[in-house]
């Protein structure tokens, strides 16, 4: 029970960071960093941090037969995922981005079910509906308060965010077998290493466009938050959660991100806490419970074969 609680706490903490990140990452683009330049620093520095922690903890070798899966996880979960997220957030608004990101649990569940990693049930489908409803209620209440932010192409930005959610869903489903075989730091370090190999040649070409001498301190601090908290810590927390929880359960916590965004608005005196926020929170928690709980095993008869469960 304690292990399960720690897994849920880790994943919720990661998504709390992601919810705050919508505002912080949006603030550094496009005036100071292009999406590609921000991604370059985010992936490179985070990879170095993972390797430092990995070596300090004690490096673990990986099997040659798993290298291809690590490469695909790095491509989907780091390189393509991050490029689409930053470019989509730059073109759209945090509110629109949050709406699109709520599609991730549905994609994860569908992909994992296709790989026979997840068992379809009415209760888990109902949980998805509860979570989506809670998130959309909160977003609808917020309206277009953030529409004044730089958003030159909302439609394309939303499309890129959908691509981001889809690739991250593929990553969560593919990385699960690696989590059962290797230590947390082994998986996340090698995933980021391959993601770094794929992303840096593309993103590095945008560095000459950055006006480094004129970047203010608050923007550097925002970038540091994106690297240390949103990338290093949040990915690590999600990976810890994946060791115990289903991929669909981990992805389902994305519904907490709009709630966090609403609380940030309250903290900044943009909005006051409302009954709609409270109701949204209850729906999200109920949805997490329904998606995360294990289905009851059917009663066995003398001729029954062993039942495989997830």
C-alpha atoms as a PDB file:
ATOM      1  CA  UNK A   1       0.000   0.000   0.000  1.00  0.00           C
ATOM      2  CA  UNK A   2       2.821   2.417   0.863  1.00  0.00           C
ATOM      3  CA  UNK A   3       4.527   1.672  -2.457  1.00  0.00           C
ATOM      4  CA  UNK A   4       1.329   2.450  -4.369  1.00  0.00           C
ATOM      5  CA  UNK A   5       0.820   5.674  -2.410  1.00  0.00           C
ATOM      6  CA  UNK A   6       4.385   6.798  -3.192  1.00  0.00           C
ATOM      7  CA  UNK A   7       3.839   6.034  -6.883  1.00  0.00           C
ATOM      8  CA  UNK A   8       0.650   8.120  -7.001  1.00  0.00           C
ATOM      9  CA  UNK A   9       2.311  10.939  -5.047  1.00  0.00           C
ATOM     10  CA  UNK A  10       5.264  10.947  -7.466  1.00  0.00           C
ATOM     11  CA  UNK A  11       3.049  11.132 -10.556  1.00  0.00           C
ATOM     12  CA  UNK A  12       0.815  13.828  -9.050  1.00  0.00           C
ATOM     13  CA  UNK A  13       3.901  15.891  -8.150  1.00  0.00           C
ATOM     14  CA  UNK A  14       5.172  15.570 -11.721  1.00  0.00           C
ATOM     15  CA  UNK A  15       1.884  16.814 -13.143  1.00  0.00           C
ATOM     16  CA  UNK A  16       1.756  19.652 -10.612  1.00  0.00           C
ATOM     17  CA  UNK A  17       5.079  20.787 -12.049  1.00  0.00           C
ATOM     18  CA  UNK A  18       3.747  20.378 -15.591  1.00  0.00           C
ATOM     19  CA  UNK A  19       0.706  22.508 -14.716  1.00  0.00           C
ATOM     20  CA  UNK A  20       2.918  25.362 -13.522  1.00  0.00           C
ATOM     21  CA  UNK A  21       5.218  24.883 -16.509  1.00  0.00           C
ATOM     22  CA  UNK A  22       2.528  25.970 -19.000  1.00  0.00           C
ATOM     23  CA  UNK A  23       2.908  29.537 -17.723  1.00  0.00           C
ATOM     24  CA  UNK A  24       6.665  29.548 -17.167  1.00  0.00           C
ATOM     25  CA  UNK A  25       7.643  27.968 -20.495  1.00  0.00           C
ATOM     26  CA  UNK A  26       5.250  30.249 -22.384  1.00  0.00           C
ATOM     27  CA  UNK A  27       6.978  33.293 -20.861  1.00  0.00           C
ATOM     28  CA  UNK A  28      10.396  32.562 -22.364  1.00  0.00           C
ATOM     29  CA  UNK A  29       9.091  32.279 -25.949  1.00  0.00           C
ATOM     30  CA  UNK A  30       9.400  33.754 -28.510  1.00  0.00           C
ATOM     31  CA  UNK A  31      10.947  37.055 -27.370  1.00  0.00           C
ATOM     32  CA  UNK A  32      14.046  35.540 -25.766  1.00  0.00           C
ATOM     33  CA  UNK A  33      14.271  31.918 -26.910  1.00  0.00           C
ATOM     34  CA  UNK A  34      12.819  30.193 -29.918  1.00  0.00           C
ATOM     35  CA  UNK A  35      11.113  26.869 -29.115  1.00  0.00           C
ATOM     36  CA  UNK A  36      14.035  25.007 -30.678  1.00  0.00           C
ATOM     37  CA  UNK A  37      16.682  26.891 -28.666  1.00  0.00           C
ATOM     38  CA  UNK A  38      14.779  26.304 -25.437  1.00  0.00           C
ATOM     39  CA  UNK A  39      14.536  22.595 -26.250  1.00  0.00           C
ATOM     40  CA  UNK A  40      18.285  22.435 -26.936  1.00  0.00           C
ATOM     41  CA  UNK A  41      19.151  23.630 -23.428  1.00  0.00           C
ATOM     42  CA  UNK A  42      16.337  21.666 -21.811  1.00  0.00           C
ATOM     43  CA  UNK A  43      17.344  18.288 -23.231  1.00  0.00           C
ATOM     44  CA  UNK A  44      21.133  18.782 -23.107  1.00  0.00           C
ATOM     45  CA  UNK A  45      21.363  20.003 -19.501  1.00  0.00           C
ATOM     46  CA  UNK A  46      18.770  17.500 -18.273  1.00  0.00           C
ATOM     47  CA  UNK A  47      20.693  14.651 -19.911  1.00  0.00           C
ATOM     48  CA  UNK A  48      23.895  15.767 -18.180  1.00  0.00           C
ATOM     49  CA  UNK A  49      22.043  15.899 -14.852  1.00  0.00           C
ATOM     50  CA  UNK A  50      20.675  12.406 -15.366  1.00  0.00           C
ATOM     51  CA  UNK A  51      24.120  11.047 -16.194  1.00  0.00           C
ATOM     52  CA  UNK A  52      25.681  12.698 -13.144  1.00  0.00           C
ATOM     53  CA  UNK A  53      23.023  11.209 -10.875  1.00  0.00           C
ATOM     54  CA  UNK A  54      23.225   7.870 -12.722  1.00  0.00           C
ATOM     55  CA  UNK A  55      26.997   7.552 -12.256  1.00  0.00           C
ATOM     56  CA  UNK A  56      26.801   8.672  -8.620  1.00  0.00           C
ATOM     57  CA  UNK A  57      24.136   6.065  -7.900  1.00  0.00           C
ATOM     58  CA  UNK A  58      25.952   3.312  -9.759  1.00  0.00           C
ATOM     59  CA  UNK A  59      25.672   2.777 -13.502  1.00  0.00           C
ATOM     60  CA  UNK A  60      23.775  -0.267 -14.755  1.00  0.00           C
ATOM     61  CA  UNK A  61      24.458  -1.894 -18.132  1.00  0.00           C
ATOM     62  CA  UNK A  62      21.633  -2.466 -20.587  1.00  0.00           C
ATOM     63  CA  UNK A  63      21.145  -5.479 -22.844  1.00  0.00           C
ATOM     64  CA  UNK A  64      21.951  -5.059 -26.512  1.00  0.00           C
ATOM     65  CA  UNK A  65      18.537  -6.417 -27.454  1.00  0.00           C
ATOM     66  CA  UNK A  66      16.867  -3.507 -25.615  1.00  0.00           C
ATOM     67  CA  UNK A  67      18.795  -0.738 -27.383  1.00  0.00           C
ATOM     68  CA  UNK A  68      16.213  -0.355 -30.155  1.00  0.00           C
ATOM     69  CA  UNK A  69      13.385   0.068 -27.649  1.00  0.00           C
ATOM     70  CA  UNK A  70      15.451   2.649 -25.735  1.00  0.00           C
ATOM     71  CA  UNK A  71      16.060   4.504 -29.011  1.00  0.00           C
ATOM     72  CA  UNK A  72      12.366   4.585 -29.918  1.00  0.00           C
ATOM     73  CA  UNK A  73      11.498   5.732 -26.384  1.00  0.00           C
ATOM     74  CA  UNK A  74      14.070   8.513 -26.665  1.00  0.00           C
ATOM     75  CA  UNK A  75      12.701   9.561 -30.052  1.00  0.00           C
ATOM     76  CA  UNK A  76       9.029   9.551 -28.975  1.00  0.00           C
ATOM     77  CA  UNK A  77       9.287  10.524 -25.319  1.00  0.00           C
ATOM     78  CA  UNK A  78      12.001  13.178 -25.521  1.00  0.00           C
ATOM     79  CA  UNK A  79      12.954  14.438 -29.000  1.00  0.00           C
ATOM     80  CA  UNK A  80       9.681  14.569 -30.957  1.00  0.00           C
ATOM     81  CA  UNK A  81       7.585  15.013 -27.825  1.00  0.00           C
ATOM     82  CA  UNK A  82       9.504  18.077 -26.626  1.00  0.00           C
ATOM     83  CA  UNK A  83       9.796  19.688 -30.059  1.00  0.00           C
ATOM     84  CA  UNK A  84       6.044  19.423 -30.623  1.00  0.00           C
ATOM     85  CA  UNK A  85       5.234  20.640 -27.113  1.00  0.00           C
ATOM     86  CA  UNK A  86       7.345  23.805 -27.251  1.00  0.00           C
ATOM     87  CA  UNK A  87       6.429  24.669 -30.842  1.00  0.00           C
ATOM     88  CA  UNK A  88       2.754  24.025 -30.109  1.00  0.00           C
ATOM     89  CA  UNK A  89       2.789  26.073 -26.894  1.00  0.00           C
ATOM     90  CA  UNK A  90       4.564  28.906 -28.720  1.00  0.00           C
ATOM     91  CA  UNK A  91       1.868  29.036 -31.417  1.00  0.00           C
ATOM     92  CA  UNK A  92      -1.138  28.483 -29.158  1.00  0.00           C
ATOM     93  CA  UNK A  93      -2.163  29.471 -25.611  1.00  0.00           C
ATOM     94  CA  UNK A  94      -1.729  27.577 -22.317  1.00  0.00           C
ATOM     95  CA  UNK A  95      -5.499  27.093 -22.151  1.00  0.00           C
ATOM     96  CA  UNK A  96      -5.738  25.540 -25.607  1.00  0.00           C
ATOM     97  CA  UNK A  97      -2.654  23.447 -24.897  1.00  0.00           C
ATOM     98  CA  UNK A  98      -4.224  22.110 -21.699  1.00  0.00           C
ATOM     99  CA  UNK A  99      -7.389  21.178 -23.589  1.00  0.00           C
ATOM    100  CA  UNK A 100      -5.454  19.184 -26.162  1.00  0.00           C
ATOM    101  CA  UNK A 101      -3.264  17.479 -23.549  1.00  0.00           C
ATOM    102  CA  UNK A 102      -6.331  15.933 -21.917  1.00  0.00           C
ATOM    103  CA  UNK A 103      -6.519  13.587 -24.914  1.00  0.00           C
ATOM    104  CA  UNK A 104      -3.318  11.844 -23.788  1.00  0.00           C
ATOM    105  CA  UNK A 105      -4.896   9.289 -21.394  1.00  0.00           C
ATOM    106  CA  UNK A 106      -7.338   8.158 -24.069  1.00  0.00           C
ATOM    107  CA  UNK A 107      -4.462   7.673 -26.534  1.00  0.00           C
ATOM    108  CA  UNK A 108      -2.356   5.858 -23.936  1.00  0.00           C
ATOM    109  CA  UNK A 109      -5.198   3.548 -22.984  1.00  0.00           C
ATOM    110  CA  UNK A 110      -6.007   2.760 -26.625  1.00  0.00           C
ATOM    111  CA  UNK A 111      -2.371   2.106 -27.539  1.00  0.00           C
ATOM    112  CA  UNK A 112      -1.714   0.015 -24.428  1.00  0.00           C
ATOM    113  CA  UNK A 113      -4.911  -1.975 -25.046  1.00  0.00           C
ATOM    114  CA  UNK A 114      -3.719  -2.603 -28.599  1.00  0.00           C
ATOM    115  CA  UNK A 115      -0.466  -3.994 -27.179  1.00  0.00           C
ATOM    116  CA  UNK A 116      -2.540  -6.049 -24.705  1.00  0.00           C
ATOM    117  CA  UNK A 117      -0.938  -4.207 -21.780  1.00  0.00           C
ATOM    118  CA  UNK A 118      -4.292  -2.882 -20.569  1.00  0.00           C
ATOM    119  CA  UNK A 119      -7.647  -4.517 -19.897  1.00  0.00           C
ATOM    120  CA  UNK A 120     -10.732  -2.636 -21.113  1.00  0.00           C
ATOM    121  CA  UNK A 121     -13.547  -2.274 -18.602  1.00  0.00           C
ATOM    122  CA  UNK A 122     -16.580  -0.057 -18.175  1.00  0.00           C
ATOM    123  CA  UNK A 123     -15.276   1.378 -14.895  1.00  0.00           C
ATOM    124  CA  UNK A 124     -11.994   2.492 -16.467  1.00  0.00           C
ATOM    125  CA  UNK A 125     -13.797   4.031 -19.445  1.00  0.00           C
ATOM    126  CA  UNK A 126     -16.068   5.855 -16.992  1.00  0.00           C
ATOM    127  CA  UNK A 127     -12.973   7.083 -15.158  1.00  0.00           C
ATOM    128  CA  UNK A 128     -11.670   8.646 -18.382  1.00  0.00           C
ATOM    129  CA  UNK A 129     -15.012  10.405 -18.863  1.00  0.00           C
ATOM    130  CA  UNK A 130     -14.943  11.730 -15.277  1.00  0.00           C
ATOM    131  CA  UNK A 131     -11.410  13.070 -15.656  1.00  0.00           C
ATOM    132  CA  UNK A 132     -12.049  14.680 -19.024  1.00  0.00           C
ATOM    133  CA  UNK A 133     -15.240  16.306 -17.736  1.00  0.00           C
ATOM    134  CA  UNK A 134     -13.462  17.732 -14.681  1.00  0.00           C
ATOM    135  CA  UNK A 135     -10.639  19.175 -16.765  1.00  0.00           C
ATOM    136  CA  UNK A 136     -12.929  20.644 -19.416  1.00  0.00           C
ATOM    137  CA  UNK A 137     -15.208  22.204 -16.781  1.00  0.00           C
ATOM    138  CA  UNK A 138     -12.237  23.979 -15.255  1.00  0.00           C
ATOM    139  CA  UNK A 139     -10.887  25.134 -18.616  1.00  0.00           C
ATOM    140  CA  UNK A 140     -14.330  26.361 -19.727  1.00  0.00           C
ATOM    141  CA  UNK A 141     -14.632  28.415 -16.543  1.00  0.00           C
ATOM    142  CA  UNK A 142     -11.297  30.081 -17.200  1.00  0.00           C
ATOM    143  CA  UNK A 143     -12.474  31.161 -20.633  1.00  0.00           C
ATOM    144  CA  UNK A 144     -10.037  33.157 -22.761  1.00  0.00           C
ATOM    145  CA  UNK A 145      -8.255  34.978 -19.941  1.00  0.00           C
ATOM    146  CA  UNK A 146      -4.928  34.069 -21.507  1.00  0.00           C
ATOM    147  CA  UNK A 147      -5.893  34.739 -25.116  1.00  0.00           C
ATOM    148  CA  UNK A 148      -3.887  37.977 -25.084  1.00  0.00           C
ATOM    149  CA  UNK A 149      -0.659  36.001 -24.967  1.00  0.00           C
ATOM    150  CA  UNK A 150       1.398  35.505 -28.099  1.00  0.00           C
ATOM    151  CA  UNK A 151      -0.574  32.948 -30.136  1.00  0.00           C
ATOM    152  CA  UNK A 152       0.024  33.489 -33.868  1.00  0.00           C
ATOM    153  CA  UNK A 153      -1.452  30.183 -35.093  1.00  0.00           C
ATOM    154  CA  UNK A 154      -3.728  28.515 -32.569  1.00  0.00           C
ATOM    155  CA  UNK A 155      -4.937  25.802 -34.982  1.00  0.00           C
ATOM    156  CA  UNK A 156      -1.411  24.641 -35.871  1.00  0.00           C
ATOM    157  CA  UNK A 157      -0.331  24.953 -32.249  1.00  0.00           C
ATOM    158  CA  UNK A 158      -3.220  22.744 -31.132  1.00  0.00           C
ATOM    159  CA  UNK A 159      -2.350  20.210 -33.839  1.00  0.00           C
ATOM    160  CA  UNK A 160       1.252  20.081 -32.603  1.00  0.00           C
ATOM    161  CA  UNK A 161       0.054  19.645 -29.020  1.00  0.00           C
ATOM    162  CA  UNK A 162      -2.089  16.712 -30.160  1.00  0.00           C
ATOM    163  CA  UNK A 163       1.016  15.223 -31.775  1.00  0.00           C
ATOM    164  CA  UNK A 164       2.902  15.787 -28.520  1.00  0.00           C
ATOM    165  CA  UNK A 165       0.209  13.960 -26.539  1.00  0.00           C
ATOM    166  CA  UNK A 166       0.211  11.093 -29.041  1.00  0.00           C
ATOM    167  CA  UNK A 167       3.982  10.575 -29.022  1.00  0.00           C
ATOM    168  CA  UNK A 168       4.104  10.749 -25.231  1.00  0.00           C
ATOM    169  CA  UNK A 169       1.343   8.139 -25.114  1.00  0.00           C
ATOM    170  CA  UNK A 170       3.436   5.843 -27.317  1.00  0.00           C
ATOM    171  CA  UNK A 171       6.433   6.468 -25.049  1.00  0.00           C
ATOM    172  CA  UNK A 172       4.523   5.537 -21.874  1.00  0.00           C
ATOM    173  CA  UNK A 173       3.321   2.281 -23.411  1.00  0.00           C
ATOM    174  CA  UNK A 174       6.734   1.309 -24.834  1.00  0.00           C
ATOM    175  CA  UNK A 175       8.787   2.199 -21.760  1.00  0.00           C
ATOM    176  CA  UNK A 176       6.712   0.109 -19.342  1.00  0.00           C
ATOM    177  CA  UNK A 177       8.544  -3.221 -20.092  1.00  0.00           C
ATOM    178  CA  UNK A 178      11.885  -1.464 -19.524  1.00  0.00           C
ATOM    179  CA  UNK A 179      10.686  -0.265 -16.122  1.00  0.00           C
ATOM    180  CA  UNK A 180      10.122  -3.858 -15.063  1.00  0.00           C
ATOM    181  CA  UNK A 181      13.639  -4.862 -16.074  1.00  0.00           C
ATOM    182  CA  UNK A 182      15.884  -1.930 -15.134  1.00  0.00           C
ATOM    183  CA  UNK A 183      16.334   0.611 -12.372  1.00  0.00           C
ATOM    184  CA  UNK A 184      14.545   3.954 -12.700  1.00  0.00           C
ATOM    185  CA  UNK A 185      17.721   5.967 -13.341  1.00  0.00           C
ATOM    186  CA  UNK A 186      18.953   3.465 -15.923  1.00  0.00           C
ATOM    187  CA  UNK A 187      15.807   3.851 -17.994  1.00  0.00           C
ATOM    188  CA  UNK A 188      15.451   7.618 -17.820  1.00  0.00           C
ATOM    189  CA  UNK A 189      19.173   8.253 -18.414  1.00  0.00           C
ATOM    190  CA  UNK A 190      19.352   6.144 -21.552  1.00  0.00           C
ATOM    191  CA  UNK A 191      16.005   7.416 -22.844  1.00  0.00           C
ATOM    192  CA  UNK A 192      17.271  10.998 -22.537  1.00  0.00           C
ATOM    193  CA  UNK A 193      20.642  10.066 -24.018  1.00  0.00           C
ATOM    194  CA  UNK A 194      19.041   8.780 -27.207  1.00  0.00           C
ATOM    195  CA  UNK A 195      16.581  11.672 -27.185  1.00  0.00           C
ATOM    196  CA  UNK A 196      19.547  14.027 -26.993  1.00  0.00           C
ATOM    197  CA  UNK A 197      21.159  12.356 -30.009  1.00  0.00           C
ATOM    198  CA  UNK A 198      17.981  12.826 -32.055  1.00  0.00           C
ATOM    199  CA  UNK A 199      17.074  16.354 -30.923  1.00  0.00           C
ATOM    200  CA  UNK A 200      20.329  18.327 -30.653  1.00  0.00           C
ATOM    201  CA  UNK A 201      21.346  18.304 -34.344  1.00  0.00           C
ATOM    202  CA  UNK A 202      17.998  19.908 -35.224  1.00  0.00           C
ATOM    203  CA  UNK A 203      17.608  22.319 -32.310  1.00  0.00           C
ATOM    204  CA  UNK A 204      21.248  23.414 -32.144  1.00  0.00           C
ATOM    205  CA  UNK A 205      21.056  25.271 -35.445  1.00  0.00           C
ATOM    206  CA  UNK A 206      18.744  27.855 -33.814  1.00  0.00           C
ATOM    207  CA  UNK A 207      21.246  28.933 -31.128  1.00  0.00           C
ATOM    208  CA  UNK A 208      22.865  31.720 -33.241  1.00  0.00           C
ATOM    209  CA  UNK A 209      19.497  33.515 -33.268  1.00  0.00           C
ATOM    210  CA  UNK A 210      19.454  33.891 -29.463  1.00  0.00           C
ATOM    211  CA  UNK A 211      20.521  37.305 -28.128  1.00  0.00           C
ATOM    212  CA  UNK A 212      22.272  35.937 -25.035  1.00  0.00           C
ATOM    213  CA  UNK A 213      23.698  39.251 -23.647  1.00  0.00           C
ATOM    214  CA  UNK A 214      20.231  40.832 -23.422  1.00  0.00           C
ATOM    215  CA  UNK A 215      18.372  38.012 -21.714  1.00  0.00           C
ATOM    216  CA  UNK A 216      17.178  39.175 -18.257  1.00  0.00           C
ATOM    217  CA  UNK A 217      17.710  37.188 -15.073  1.00  0.00           C
ATOM    218  CA  UNK A 218      14.054  36.199 -14.688  1.00  0.00           C
ATOM    219  CA  UNK A 219      14.101  34.501 -18.098  1.00  0.00           C
ATOM    220  CA  UNK A 220      17.228  32.523 -17.157  1.00  0.00           C
ATOM    221  CA  UNK A 221      15.493  31.485 -13.930  1.00  0.00           C
ATOM    222  CA  UNK A 222      12.415  30.423 -15.913  1.00  0.00           C
ATOM    223  CA  UNK A 223      14.598  28.328 -18.209  1.00  0.00           C
ATOM    224  CA  UNK A 224      16.297  26.804 -15.157  1.00  0.00           C
ATOM    225  CA  UNK A 225      12.880  25.832 -13.770  1.00  0.00           C
ATOM    226  CA  UNK A 226      11.985  24.169 -17.084  1.00  0.00           C
ATOM    227  CA  UNK A 227      15.255  22.208 -17.068  1.00  0.00           C
ATOM    228  CA  UNK A 228      15.591  21.214 -13.407  1.00  0.00           C
ATOM    229  CA  UNK A 229      11.967  20.790 -12.355  1.00  0.00           C
ATOM    230  CA  UNK A 230       9.885  20.193 -15.495  1.00  0.00           C
ATOM    231  CA  UNK A 231      12.475  17.989 -17.191  1.00  0.00           C
ATOM    232  CA  UNK A 232      14.829  16.376 -14.685  1.00  0.00           C
ATOM    233  CA  UNK A 233      12.569  16.045 -11.647  1.00  0.00           C
ATOM    234  CA  UNK A 234       9.199  15.542 -13.384  1.00  0.00           C
ATOM    235  CA  UNK A 235      10.487  12.863 -15.777  1.00  0.00           C
ATOM    236  CA  UNK A 236      12.135  11.116 -12.838  1.00  0.00           C
ATOM    237  CA  UNK A 237       8.908  11.225 -10.810  1.00  0.00           C
ATOM    238  CA  UNK A 238       6.875   9.856 -13.731  1.00  0.00           C
ATOM    239  CA  UNK A 239       9.392   7.065 -14.160  1.00  0.00           C
ATOM    240  CA  UNK A 240       9.122   6.188 -10.468  1.00  0.00           C
ATOM    241  CA  UNK A 241       5.351   6.004 -10.880  1.00  0.00           C
ATOM    242  CA  UNK A 242       5.620   3.759 -13.931  1.00  0.00           C
ATOM    243  CA  UNK A 243       7.455   1.140 -11.886  1.00  0.00           C
ATOM    244  CA  UNK A 244       4.243   0.483  -9.932  1.00  0.00           C
ATOM    245  CA  UNK A 245       1.311   1.960 -11.871  1.00  0.00           C
ATOM    246  CA  UNK A 246      -0.156   1.251 -15.296  1.00  0.00           C
ATOM    247  CA  UNK A 247       0.836   3.496 -18.185  1.00  0.00           C
ATOM    248  CA  UNK A 248      -2.787   4.651 -18.562  1.00  0.00           C
ATOM    249  CA  UNK A 249      -2.948   5.533 -14.842  1.00  0.00           C
ATOM    250  CA  UNK A 250       0.226   7.621 -15.073  1.00  0.00           C
ATOM    251  CA  UNK A 251      -1.026   9.425 -18.167  1.00  0.00           C
ATOM    252  CA  UNK A 252      -4.416  10.006 -16.546  1.00  0.00           C
ATOM    253  CA  UNK A 253      -2.865  12.369 -14.009  1.00  0.00           C
ATOM    254  CA  UNK A 254      -2.544  14.863 -16.836  1.00  0.00           C
ATOM    255  CA  UNK A 255      -6.078  15.905 -15.876  1.00  0.00           C
ATOM    256  CA  UNK A 256      -4.566  17.496 -12.753  1.00  0.00           C
ATOM    257  CA  UNK A 257      -2.677  20.005 -14.899  1.00  0.00           C
ATOM    258  CA  UNK A 258      -5.669  22.288 -15.671  1.00  0.00           C
ATOM    259  CA  UNK A 259      -6.520  22.236 -11.960  1.00  0.00           C
ATOM    260  CA  UNK A 260      -2.984  23.354 -11.117  1.00  0.00           C
ATOM    261  CA  UNK A 261      -3.193  26.066 -13.770  1.00  0.00           C
ATOM    262  CA  UNK A 262      -6.420  27.295 -12.136  1.00  0.00           C
ATOM    263  CA  UNK A 263      -4.774  27.365  -8.710  1.00  0.00           C
ATOM    264  CA  UNK A 264      -1.872  29.343 -10.160  1.00  0.00           C
ATOM    265  CA  UNK A 265      -4.388  31.897 -11.400  1.00  0.00           C
ATOM    266  CA  UNK A 266      -5.869  32.071  -7.900  1.00  0.00           C
ATOM    267  CA  UNK A 267      -2.410  32.597  -6.414  1.00  0.00           C
ATOM    268  CA  UNK A 268      -1.787  35.421  -8.882  1.00  0.00           C
ATOM    269  CA  UNK A 269      -5.164  36.974  -7.997  1.00  0.00           C
ATOM    270  CA  UNK A 270      -6.435  36.409 -11.532  1.00  0.00           C
ATOM    271  CA  UNK A 271      -9.330  34.290 -10.270  1.00  0.00           C
ATOM    272  CA  UNK A 272     -10.927  33.255  -7.004  1.00  0.00           C
ATOM    273  CA  UNK A 273     -11.493  29.662  -5.938  1.00  0.00           C
ATOM    274  CA  UNK A 274     -14.972  28.545  -7.056  1.00  0.00           C
ATOM    275  CA  UNK A 275     -17.302  25.601  -6.578  1.00  0.00           C
ATOM    276  CA  UNK A 276     -16.571  24.640 -10.189  1.00  0.00           C
ATOM    277  CA  UNK A 277     -12.893  24.193  -9.293  1.00  0.00           C
ATOM    278  CA  UNK A 278     -13.854  22.054  -6.309  1.00  0.00           C
ATOM    279  CA  UNK A 279     -16.227  19.945  -8.419  1.00  0.00           C
ATOM    280  CA  UNK A 280     -13.558  19.552 -11.088  1.00  0.00           C
ATOM    281  CA  UNK A 281     -11.075  18.346  -8.482  1.00  0.00           C
ATOM    282  CA  UNK A 282     -13.584  15.750  -7.190  1.00  0.00           C
ATOM    283  CA  UNK A 283     -14.202  14.487 -10.740  1.00  0.00           C
ATOM    284  CA  UNK A 284     -10.471  14.189 -11.429  1.00  0.00           C
ATOM    285  CA  UNK A 285      -9.839  12.262  -8.215  1.00  0.00           C
ATOM    286  CA  UNK A 286     -12.779   9.947  -8.925  1.00  0.00           C
ATOM    287  CA  UNK A 287     -11.497   9.315 -12.417  1.00  0.00           C
ATOM    288  CA  UNK A 288      -8.003   8.485 -11.169  1.00  0.00           C
ATOM    289  CA  UNK A 289      -9.517   5.968  -8.744  1.00  0.00           C
ATOM    290  CA  UNK A 290     -11.603   4.249 -11.436  1.00  0.00           C
ATOM    291  CA  UNK A 291      -8.803   4.049 -13.996  1.00  0.00           C
ATOM    292  CA  UNK A 292      -6.125   3.050 -11.484  1.00  0.00           C
ATOM    293  CA  UNK A 293      -7.915   0.293  -9.579  1.00  0.00           C
ATOM    294  CA  UNK A 294      -7.469  -3.314 -10.598  1.00  0.00           C
ATOM    295  CA  UNK A 295     -10.382  -5.229 -12.025  1.00  0.00           C
ATOM    296  CA  UNK A 296     -11.744  -7.939  -9.685  1.00  0.00           C
ATOM    297  CA  UNK A 297     -10.825 -11.500 -10.620  1.00  0.00           C
ATOM    298  CA  UNK A 298     -13.688 -13.786 -11.665  1.00  0.00           C
ATOM    299  CA  UNK A 299     -14.488 -16.804  -9.524  1.00  0.00           C
ATOM    300  CA  UNK A 300     -12.647 -19.926 -10.678  1.00  0.00           C
ATOM    301  CA  UNK A 301     -14.355 -23.188 -11.494  1.00  0.00           C
ATOM    302  CA  UNK A 302     -12.509 -26.535 -11.461  1.00  0.00           C
ATOM    303  CA  UNK A 303     -12.053 -26.352 -15.222  1.00  0.00           C
ATOM    304  CA  UNK A 304     -11.005 -22.718 -15.345  1.00  0.00           C
ATOM    305  CA  UNK A 305      -7.609 -21.835 -16.762  1.00  0.00           C
ATOM    306  CA  UNK A 306      -5.389 -19.272 -14.951  1.00  0.00           C
ATOM    307  CA  UNK A 307      -6.541 -15.732 -15.688  1.00  0.00           C
ATOM    308  CA  UNK A 308      -3.957 -13.178 -16.810  1.00  0.00           C
ATOM    309  CA  UNK A 309      -4.410  -9.809 -15.101  1.00  0.00           C
ATOM    310  CA  UNK A 310      -2.812  -6.411 -15.547  1.00  0.00           C
END
